[in-house]
Amino acid sequence: MYEDYDPGILNDFGGGNVGWWMDYLRAEIERCNEHWNDQILNSSERSVHTQVRNASGVASDEQNKDMSDYSISLQRAIEYYCRGKIVPDDILKICPHHATMLNNKLKRV
């Protein structure tokens, strides 16, 4: 227990009634647990997709290069978006869907 704990900080003026704060913390912990459970579920789904893809055969060198190019282009598109700049056409050609979405957000379409 913290020796310098002061319930007055929680607007109970030292009365020690901090039940509302505990309710708030419980709700936040529950919300965080739901979020991370969703993340774990999504991660395991991605893992299953990867296993299926690997079981169906190894990707060709060209497919690997395409995935790498797409990943790099998407990263560059996000960097442009974070700087408030429109994504250039050379990136739009490689990852049109995501780059267009970022541009539309900048343009508020």
C-alpha atoms as a PDB file:
ATOM      1  CA  MET A   1       0.000   0.000   0.000  1.00  0.00           C
ATOM      2  CA  TYR A   2       1.265   3.477  -0.770  1.00  0.00           C
ATOM      3  CA  GLU A   3       1.967   5.447   2.388  1.00  0.00           C
ATOM      4  CA  ASP A   4       1.258   8.758   0.703  1.00  0.00           C
ATOM      5  CA  TYR A   5      -2.089   7.628  -0.748  1.00  0.00           C
ATOM      6  CA  ASP A   6      -4.658  10.396  -0.475  1.00  0.00           C
ATOM      7  CA  PRO A   7      -8.297   9.555  -1.277  1.00  0.00           C
ATOM      8  CA  GLY A   8      -8.914  13.299  -1.456  1.00  0.00           C
ATOM      9  CA  ILE A   9      -7.248  13.230  -4.849  1.00  0.00           C
ATOM     10  CA  LEU A  10     -10.268  11.240  -6.013  1.00  0.00           C
ATOM     11  CA  ASN A  11     -12.684  14.022  -4.927  1.00  0.00           C
ATOM     12  CA  ASP A  12     -13.872  12.306  -1.759  1.00  0.00           C
ATOM     13  CA  PHE A  13     -11.987  14.830   0.352  1.00  0.00           C
ATOM     14  CA  GLY A  14     -10.302  12.176   2.454  1.00  0.00           C
ATOM     15  CA  GLY A  15     -13.463  10.233   3.318  1.00  0.00           C
ATOM     16  CA  GLY A  16     -12.153   7.026   1.786  1.00  0.00           C
ATOM     17  CA  ASN A  17     -15.235   6.356  -0.366  1.00  0.00           C
ATOM     18  CA  VAL A  18     -13.622   5.556  -3.692  1.00  0.00           C
ATOM     19  CA  GLY A  19     -16.051   2.902  -4.917  1.00  0.00           C
ATOM     20  CA  TRP A  20     -16.793   4.918  -8.052  1.00  0.00           C
ATOM     21  CA  TRP A  21     -13.086   4.886  -8.894  1.00  0.00           C
ATOM     22  CA  MET A  22     -12.899   1.120  -8.432  1.00  0.00           C
ATOM     23  CA  ASP A  23     -15.941   0.712 -10.725  1.00  0.00           C
ATOM     24  CA  TYR A  24     -14.219   2.852 -13.334  1.00  0.00           C
ATOM     25  CA  LEU A  25     -11.005   0.811 -13.094  1.00  0.00           C
ATOM     26  CA  ARG A  26     -12.918  -2.481 -13.356  1.00  0.00           C
ATOM     27  CA  ALA A  27     -14.700  -1.210 -16.482  1.00  0.00           C
ATOM     28  CA  GLU A  28     -11.398  -0.112 -18.049  1.00  0.00           C
ATOM     29  CA  ILE A  29      -9.750  -3.445 -17.246  1.00  0.00           C
ATOM     30  CA  GLU A  30     -12.704  -5.287 -18.780  1.00  0.00           C
ATOM     31  CA  ARG A  31     -12.526  -3.094 -21.897  1.00  0.00           C
ATOM     32  CA  CYS A  32      -8.780  -3.738 -22.215  1.00  0.00           C
ATOM     33  CA  ASN A  33      -9.247  -7.476 -21.762  1.00  0.00           C
ATOM     34  CA  GLU A  34     -11.879  -7.515 -24.521  1.00  0.00           C
ATOM     35  CA  HIS A  35      -9.544  -5.566 -26.801  1.00  0.00           C
ATOM     36  CA  TRP A  36      -6.591  -7.895 -26.222  1.00  0.00           C
ATOM     37  CA  ASN A  37      -8.752 -11.002 -26.524  1.00  0.00           C
ATOM     38  CA  ASP A  38      -9.834  -9.704 -29.949  1.00  0.00           C
ATOM     39  CA  GLN A  39      -6.178  -9.109 -30.844  1.00  0.00           C
ATOM     40  CA  ILE A  40      -5.278 -12.665 -29.839  1.00  0.00           C
ATOM     41  CA  LEU A  41      -8.199 -14.050 -31.851  1.00  0.00           C
ATOM     42  CA  ASN A  42      -7.186 -12.038 -34.917  1.00  0.00           C
ATOM     43  CA  SER A  43      -3.589 -13.164 -34.473  1.00  0.00           C
ATOM     44  CA  SER A  44      -4.575 -16.824 -34.293  1.00  0.00           C
ATOM     45  CA  GLU A  45      -6.759 -16.392 -37.411  1.00  0.00           C
ATOM     46  CA  ARG A  46      -3.769 -14.909 -39.257  1.00  0.00           C
ATOM     47  CA  SER A  47      -1.695 -17.841 -38.060  1.00  0.00           C
ATOM     48  CA  VAL A  48      -4.247 -20.293 -39.479  1.00  0.00           C
ATOM     49  CA  HIS A  49      -4.237 -18.440 -42.825  1.00  0.00           C
ATOM     50  CA  THR A  50      -0.441 -18.604 -42.867  1.00  0.00           C
ATOM     51  CA  GLN A  51      -0.486 -22.329 -42.130  1.00  0.00           C
ATOM     52  CA  VAL A  52      -3.010 -22.939 -44.910  1.00  0.00           C
ATOM     53  CA  ARG A  53      -0.960 -20.877 -47.352  1.00  0.00           C
ATOM     54  CA  ASN A  54       2.215 -22.738 -46.389  1.00  0.00           C
ATOM     55  CA  ALA A  55       0.463 -26.115 -46.679  1.00  0.00           C
ATOM     56  CA  SER A  56      -0.755 -25.246 -50.163  1.00  0.00           C
ATOM     57  CA  GLY A  57       2.789 -24.651 -51.372  1.00  0.00           C
ATOM     58  CA  VAL A  58       5.642 -22.260 -50.920  1.00  0.00           C
ATOM     59  CA  ALA A  59       5.165 -18.842 -52.466  1.00  0.00           C
ATOM     60  CA  SER A  60       7.236 -18.223 -55.551  1.00  0.00           C
ATOM     61  CA  ASP A  61      10.064 -15.708 -55.486  1.00  0.00           C
ATOM     62  CA  GLU A  62       7.934 -13.325 -57.547  1.00  0.00           C
ATOM     63  CA  GLN A  63       5.036 -13.598 -55.081  1.00  0.00           C
ATOM     64  CA  ASN A  64       7.415 -12.906 -52.204  1.00  0.00           C
ATOM     65  CA  LYS A  65       8.785  -9.866 -54.048  1.00  0.00           C
ATOM     66  CA  ASP A  66       5.247  -8.602 -54.719  1.00  0.00           C
ATOM     67  CA  MET A  67       4.329  -8.973 -51.036  1.00  0.00           C
ATOM     68  CA  SER A  68       7.505  -7.168 -50.034  1.00  0.00           C
ATOM     69  CA  ASP A  69       6.877  -4.340 -52.535  1.00  0.00           C
ATOM     70  CA  TYR A  70       3.300  -3.989 -51.287  1.00  0.00           C
ATOM     71  CA  SER A  71       4.423  -3.879 -47.660  1.00  0.00           C
ATOM     72  CA  ILE A  72       7.058  -1.230 -48.349  1.00  0.00           C
ATOM     73  CA  SER A  73       4.642   0.839 -50.440  1.00  0.00           C
ATOM     74  CA  LEU A  74       1.948   0.666 -47.777  1.00  0.00           C
ATOM     75  CA  GLN A  75       4.460   1.813 -45.172  1.00  0.00           C
ATOM     76  CA  ARG A  76       5.461   4.739 -47.409  1.00  0.00           C
ATOM     77  CA  ALA A  77       1.787   5.604 -47.977  1.00  0.00           C
ATOM     78  CA  ILE A  78       1.205   5.736 -44.228  1.00  0.00           C
ATOM     79  CA  GLU A  79       4.260   7.970 -43.812  1.00  0.00           C
ATOM     80  CA  TYR A  80       2.864  10.380 -46.425  1.00  0.00           C
ATOM     81  CA  TYR A  81      -0.507  10.347 -44.659  1.00  0.00           C
ATOM     82  CA  CYS A  82       1.094  11.068 -41.260  1.00  0.00           C
ATOM     83  CA  ARG A  83       2.844  14.075 -42.788  1.00  0.00           C
ATOM     84  CA  GLY A  84      -0.451  15.315 -44.224  1.00  0.00           C
ATOM     85  CA  LYS A  85       0.650  14.750 -47.825  1.00  0.00           C
ATOM     86  CA  ILE A  86      -1.231  13.054 -50.652  1.00  0.00           C
ATOM     87  CA  VAL A  87       0.146   9.624 -51.572  1.00  0.00           C
ATOM     88  CA  PRO A  88       1.996   9.790 -54.936  1.00  0.00           C
ATOM     89  CA  ASP A  89       0.918   7.818 -58.003  1.00  0.00           C
ATOM     90  CA  ASP A  90       3.838   5.359 -57.923  1.00  0.00           C
ATOM     91  CA  ILE A  91       2.634   4.092 -54.537  1.00  0.00           C
ATOM     92  CA  LEU A  92      -1.020   4.172 -55.652  1.00  0.00           C
ATOM     93  CA  LYS A  93      -0.158   1.698 -58.432  1.00  0.00           C
ATOM     94  CA  ILE A  94       1.253  -0.862 -55.978  1.00  0.00           C
ATOM     95  CA  CYS A  95      -1.323  -0.611 -53.181  1.00  0.00           C
ATOM     96  CA  PRO A  96      -4.292   1.243 -54.673  1.00  0.00           C
ATOM     97  CA  HIS A  97      -6.937   0.304 -52.107  1.00  0.00           C
ATOM     98  CA  HIS A  98      -5.138   1.402 -48.941  1.00  0.00           C
ATOM     99  CA  ALA A  99      -3.417   4.410 -50.519  1.00  0.00           C
ATOM    100  CA  THR A 100      -6.752   5.674 -51.865  1.00  0.00           C
ATOM    101  CA  MET A 101      -8.332   5.280 -48.431  1.00  0.00           C
ATOM    102  CA  LEU A 102      -5.538   7.359 -46.878  1.00  0.00           C
ATOM    103  CA  ASN A 103      -5.859  10.040 -49.570  1.00  0.00           C
ATOM    104  CA  ASN A 104      -9.628  10.191 -49.068  1.00  0.00           C
ATOM    105  CA  LYS A 105      -9.152  10.735 -45.342  1.00  0.00           C
ATOM    106  CA  LEU A 106      -6.795  13.616 -46.068  1.00  0.00           C
ATOM    107  CA  LYS A 107      -9.261  15.088 -48.548  1.00  0.00           C
ATOM    108  CA  ARG A 108     -12.137  14.360 -46.104  1.00  0.00           C
ATOM    109  CA  VAL A 109     -14.078  12.537 -48.822  1.00  0.00           C
END
